[in-house]
Structure formats: structure tokens, C-alpha cells
Amino acid sequence: MRNLARVLCALAALTASVPALAQAQTTTAFDGTYRGVSRTIEGGSSGGSGSIRACISDGVPATLIITSGAARNTATQNPMQGSVTPQGVLVMRTQRGDVFQGQVDSRGTVTGRLNAGCSYQYVWQRQ
């Protein structure tokens, strides 16, 4: 019975420390507003150039905002939300579940790829 009590106390202590560990991963190093520089089509859903016609044309992405490790863009259609790690790895998802994976560098440039049926290369620059 004593061993069970010790195990339960140890589990309670470990469980209580998990939120603290998660908070330690939050970063403000990349906080800021990033203006869209470019959105370039890399390929269509089947990987062939024939399917690119169904993709959104090249352009400028909506503004990206990063606050305390949380990232979101200001797009009205198909917005993305996610997070950035202390190492600058940025992962966001659209409401449809499409995934953007990118990197914030030390100069404040964000580059990455969105795979949403069509593949796009995105670039943002911190203002």
C-alpha cells in the first residue's frame, strides 16, 4: 500500500511539471509582424505541370503575426495557425488541415512550403 501511495505521489508530481515544461518551450524571439514577400507555385496535386492550372496563382501572402510562439496569418480565405519553436521551426495548419512547414532565420526572413493539393513556396520578412 505504501508503494502505491509513493507511485501515485510521484505521478502527481510529474504530471504537475508537464505544463511548466511546455511553458519553457514558448519563445518570444520571433515575435513580430511579417509582411508577405512572395507565394510561388512549385507544383500541382499530381506533381505534374498539367495540374497547376487548378492552383492559386503566384502572389503575395497575407501578413504573418507571431506572438509568444503562436503564429497565424491574416488571410480571410484559408487562414493558417500554428507555432514556432525556440529554434525558429514554424508549423501551421489551415482549417482544411493542409500543412505549412518553414523556418524563421536570424534576419527575420520566414521561408517554407505549404502543401495544399498544390505546393507553394512562401516568403515573409519581419517589418
C-alpha atoms as a PDB file:
ATOM      1  CA  MET A   1       0.000   0.000   0.000  1.00  0.00           C
ATOM      2  CA  ARG A   2       2.865   2.355   0.807  1.00  0.00           C
ATOM      3  CA  ASN A   3       4.431   1.659  -2.589  1.00  0.00           C
ATOM      4  CA  LEU A   4       1.169   2.508  -4.319  1.00  0.00           C
ATOM      5  CA  ALA A   5       0.995   5.807  -2.421  1.00  0.00           C
ATOM      6  CA  ARG A   6       4.592   6.613  -3.403  1.00  0.00           C
ATOM      7  CA  VAL A   7       3.900   5.838  -7.050  1.00  0.00           C
ATOM      8  CA  LEU A   8       0.768   7.999  -7.040  1.00  0.00           C
ATOM      9  CA  CYS A   9       2.652  10.897  -5.441  1.00  0.00           C
ATOM     10  CA  ALA A  10       5.458  10.580  -7.987  1.00  0.00           C
ATOM     11  CA  LEU A  11       2.960  10.537 -10.870  1.00  0.00           C
ATOM     12  CA  ALA A  12       1.197  13.590  -9.472  1.00  0.00           C
ATOM     13  CA  ALA A  13       4.497  15.460  -9.227  1.00  0.00           C
ATOM     14  CA  LEU A  14       5.469  14.536 -12.795  1.00  0.00           C
ATOM     15  CA  THR A  15       2.058  15.489 -14.149  1.00  0.00           C
ATOM     16  CA  ALA A  16       2.219  18.868 -12.430  1.00  0.00           C
ATOM     17  CA  SER A  17       5.584  19.592 -14.057  1.00  0.00           C
ATOM     18  CA  VAL A  18       4.388  18.974 -17.640  1.00  0.00           C
ATOM     19  CA  PRO A  19       2.726  22.426 -18.059  1.00  0.00           C
ATOM     20  CA  ALA A  20       5.889  24.051 -16.753  1.00  0.00           C
ATOM     21  CA  LEU A  21       7.940  22.235 -19.384  1.00  0.00           C
ATOM     22  CA  ALA A  22       5.532  23.304 -22.110  1.00  0.00           C
ATOM     23  CA  GLN A  23       5.774  26.914 -20.973  1.00  0.00           C
ATOM     24  CA  ALA A  24       9.558  26.719 -21.054  1.00  0.00           C
ATOM     25  CA  GLN A  25       9.359  25.974 -24.795  1.00  0.00           C
ATOM     26  CA  THR A  26       7.444  29.213 -25.504  1.00  0.00           C
ATOM     27  CA  THR A  27       9.616  31.778 -27.249  1.00  0.00           C
ATOM     28  CA  THR A  28       9.297  35.484 -27.945  1.00  0.00           C
ATOM     29  CA  ALA A  29      12.497  35.708 -30.020  1.00  0.00           C
ATOM     30  CA  PHE A  30      10.500  35.719 -33.260  1.00  0.00           C
ATOM     31  CA  ASP A  31       7.607  37.914 -32.138  1.00  0.00           C
ATOM     32  CA  GLY A  32       6.576  40.447 -34.714  1.00  0.00           C
ATOM     33  CA  THR A  33       4.664  41.208 -37.871  1.00  0.00           C
ATOM     34  CA  TYR A  34       5.981  39.734 -41.093  1.00  0.00           C
ATOM     35  CA  ARG A  35       4.906  41.190 -44.434  1.00  0.00           C
ATOM     36  CA  GLY A  36       4.310  38.828 -47.316  1.00  0.00           C
ATOM     37  CA  VAL A  37       7.064  38.844 -49.934  1.00  0.00           C
ATOM     38  CA  SER A  38       6.100  36.016 -52.289  1.00  0.00           C
ATOM     39  CA  ARG A  39       3.994  32.918 -52.841  1.00  0.00           C
ATOM     40  CA  THR A  40       5.268  30.782 -55.714  1.00  0.00           C
ATOM     41  CA  ILE A  41       3.663  27.661 -57.156  1.00  0.00           C
ATOM     42  CA  GLU A  42       6.026  24.700 -57.129  1.00  0.00           C
ATOM     43  CA  GLY A  43       3.711  22.002 -58.432  1.00  0.00           C
ATOM     44  CA  GLY A  44       0.200  20.661 -58.734  1.00  0.00           C
ATOM     45  CA  SER A  45      -1.530  17.920 -56.798  1.00  0.00           C
ATOM     46  CA  SER A  46      -0.280  15.156 -59.054  1.00  0.00           C
ATOM     47  CA  GLY A  47       3.195  16.672 -59.250  1.00  0.00           C
ATOM     48  CA  GLY A  48       2.846  17.321 -62.972  1.00  0.00           C
ATOM     49  CA  SER A  49       2.688  20.752 -64.557  1.00  0.00           C
ATOM     50  CA  GLY A  50      -0.719  19.951 -66.125  1.00  0.00           C
ATOM     51  CA  SER A  51      -2.444  20.174 -62.749  1.00  0.00           C
ATOM     52  CA  ILE A  52      -1.040  23.627 -61.877  1.00  0.00           C
ATOM     53  CA  ARG A  53      -3.965  25.335 -63.636  1.00  0.00           C
ATOM     54  CA  ALA A  54      -6.222  24.446 -60.684  1.00  0.00           C
ATOM     55  CA  CYS A  55      -3.792  26.102 -58.227  1.00  0.00           C
ATOM     56  CA  ILE A  56      -3.951  29.675 -56.948  1.00  0.00           C
ATOM     57  CA  SER A  57      -1.597  31.880 -58.954  1.00  0.00           C
ATOM     58  CA  ASP A  58       1.678  33.277 -57.645  1.00  0.00           C
ATOM     59  CA  GLY A  59       1.290  36.329 -55.458  1.00  0.00           C
ATOM     60  CA  VAL A  60       1.970  37.883 -52.080  1.00  0.00           C
ATOM     61  CA  PRO A  61       0.870  36.002 -48.958  1.00  0.00           C
ATOM     62  CA  ALA A  62      -1.185  37.627 -46.213  1.00  0.00           C
ATOM     63  CA  THR A  63       0.650  39.138 -43.249  1.00  0.00           C
ATOM     64  CA  LEU A  64       2.091  36.683 -40.709  1.00  0.00           C
ATOM     65  CA  ILE A  65       1.934  37.507 -36.997  1.00  0.00           C
ATOM     66  CA  ILE A  66       3.985  35.693 -34.354  1.00  0.00           C
ATOM     67  CA  THR A  67       3.292  36.289 -30.651  1.00  0.00           C
ATOM     68  CA  SER A  68       4.833  34.224 -27.819  1.00  0.00           C
ATOM     69  CA  GLY A  69       5.462  31.294 -30.115  1.00  0.00           C
ATOM     70  CA  ALA A  70       1.963  31.318 -31.643  1.00  0.00           C
ATOM     71  CA  ALA A  71       1.792  32.054 -35.361  1.00  0.00           C
ATOM     72  CA  ARG A  72      -1.110  32.991 -37.624  1.00  0.00           C
ATOM     73  CA  ASN A  73      -1.612  34.707 -40.920  1.00  0.00           C
ATOM     74  CA  THR A  74      -4.282  37.305 -41.646  1.00  0.00           C
ATOM     75  CA  ALA A  75      -5.734  35.601 -44.729  1.00  0.00           C
ATOM     76  CA  THR A  76      -9.511  35.773 -44.959  1.00  0.00           C
ATOM     77  CA  GLN A  77      -9.680  32.650 -47.107  1.00  0.00           C
ATOM     78  CA  ASN A  78      -7.994  29.551 -45.745  1.00  0.00           C
ATOM     79  CA  PRO A  79      -6.085  31.167 -42.833  1.00  0.00           C
ATOM     80  CA  MET A  80      -3.229  29.289 -41.147  1.00  0.00           C
ATOM     81  CA  GLN A  81      -2.410  28.936 -37.448  1.00  0.00           C
ATOM     82  CA  GLY A  82       0.403  27.181 -35.645  1.00  0.00           C
ATOM     83  CA  SER A  83       3.540  27.686 -33.617  1.00  0.00           C
ATOM     84  CA  VAL A  84       7.232  28.460 -33.831  1.00  0.00           C
ATOM     85  CA  THR A  85       9.871  26.687 -31.737  1.00  0.00           C
ATOM     86  CA  PRO A  86      12.803  28.401 -29.993  1.00  0.00           C
ATOM     87  CA  GLN A  87      14.920  27.162 -32.934  1.00  0.00           C
ATOM     88  CA  GLY A  88      12.677  29.012 -35.420  1.00  0.00           C
ATOM     89  CA  VAL A  89      10.875  25.984 -36.853  1.00  0.00           C
ATOM     90  CA  LEU A  90       7.415  27.130 -37.935  1.00  0.00           C
ATOM     91  CA  VAL A  91       4.497  24.748 -38.493  1.00  0.00           C
ATOM     92  CA  MET A  92       0.997  25.987 -39.320  1.00  0.00           C
ATOM     93  CA  ARG A  93      -2.198  24.309 -40.479  1.00  0.00           C
ATOM     94  CA  THR A  94      -5.131  25.570 -42.491  1.00  0.00           C
ATOM     95  CA  GLN A  95      -8.723  24.944 -41.453  1.00  0.00           C
ATOM     96  CA  ARG A  96      -8.756  22.124 -44.038  1.00  0.00           C
ATOM     97  CA  GLY A  97      -5.720  20.507 -42.427  1.00  0.00           C
ATOM     98  CA  ASP A  98      -3.138  21.497 -45.045  1.00  0.00           C
ATOM     99  CA  VAL A  99       0.334  21.888 -43.521  1.00  0.00           C
ATOM    100  CA  PHE A 100       2.856  24.707 -43.850  1.00  0.00           C
ATOM    101  CA  GLN A 101       6.404  23.911 -42.690  1.00  0.00           C
ATOM    102  CA  GLY A 102       9.035  26.601 -42.560  1.00  0.00           C
ATOM    103  CA  GLN A 103      11.914  28.294 -40.791  1.00  0.00           C
ATOM    104  CA  VAL A 104      12.456  31.761 -39.321  1.00  0.00           C
ATOM    105  CA  ASP A 105      16.072  32.840 -39.744  1.00  0.00           C
ATOM    106  CA  SER A 106      18.155  35.300 -37.723  1.00  0.00           C
ATOM    107  CA  ARG A 107      17.491  38.087 -40.284  1.00  0.00           C
ATOM    108  CA  GLY A 108      13.728  37.840 -39.762  1.00  0.00           C
ATOM    109  CA  THR A 109      13.000  36.025 -43.012  1.00  0.00           C
ATOM    110  CA  VAL A 110      10.465  33.194 -42.994  1.00  0.00           C
ATOM    111  CA  THR A 111      10.637  30.657 -45.798  1.00  0.00           C
ATOM    112  CA  GLY A 112       8.680  27.463 -46.146  1.00  0.00           C
ATOM    113  CA  ARG A 113       6.344  25.262 -48.120  1.00  0.00           C
ATOM    114  CA  LEU A 114       2.582  24.802 -47.988  1.00  0.00           C
ATOM    115  CA  ASN A 115       1.259  21.538 -49.359  1.00  0.00           C
ATOM    116  CA  ALA A 116      -2.432  22.027 -50.070  1.00  0.00           C
ATOM    117  CA  GLY A 117      -3.088  19.875 -53.097  1.00  0.00           C
ATOM    118  CA  CYS A 118      -0.766  22.299 -54.825  1.00  0.00           C
ATOM    119  CA  SER A 119       2.686  23.019 -53.444  1.00  0.00           C
ATOM    120  CA  TYR A 120       3.694  26.632 -52.733  1.00  0.00           C
ATOM    121  CA  GLN A 121       6.902  28.256 -51.561  1.00  0.00           C
ATOM    122  CA  TYR A 122       6.186  31.166 -49.163  1.00  0.00           C
ATOM    123  CA  VAL A 123       8.460  34.026 -48.080  1.00  0.00           C
ATOM    124  CA  TRP A 124       7.751  36.650 -45.383  1.00  0.00           C
ATOM    125  CA  GLN A 125      10.020  39.378 -43.958  1.00  0.00           C
ATOM    126  CA  ARG A 126       9.791  40.879 -40.461  1.00  0.00           C
ATOM    127  CA  GLN A 127       8.740  44.548 -40.580  1.00  0.00           C
END
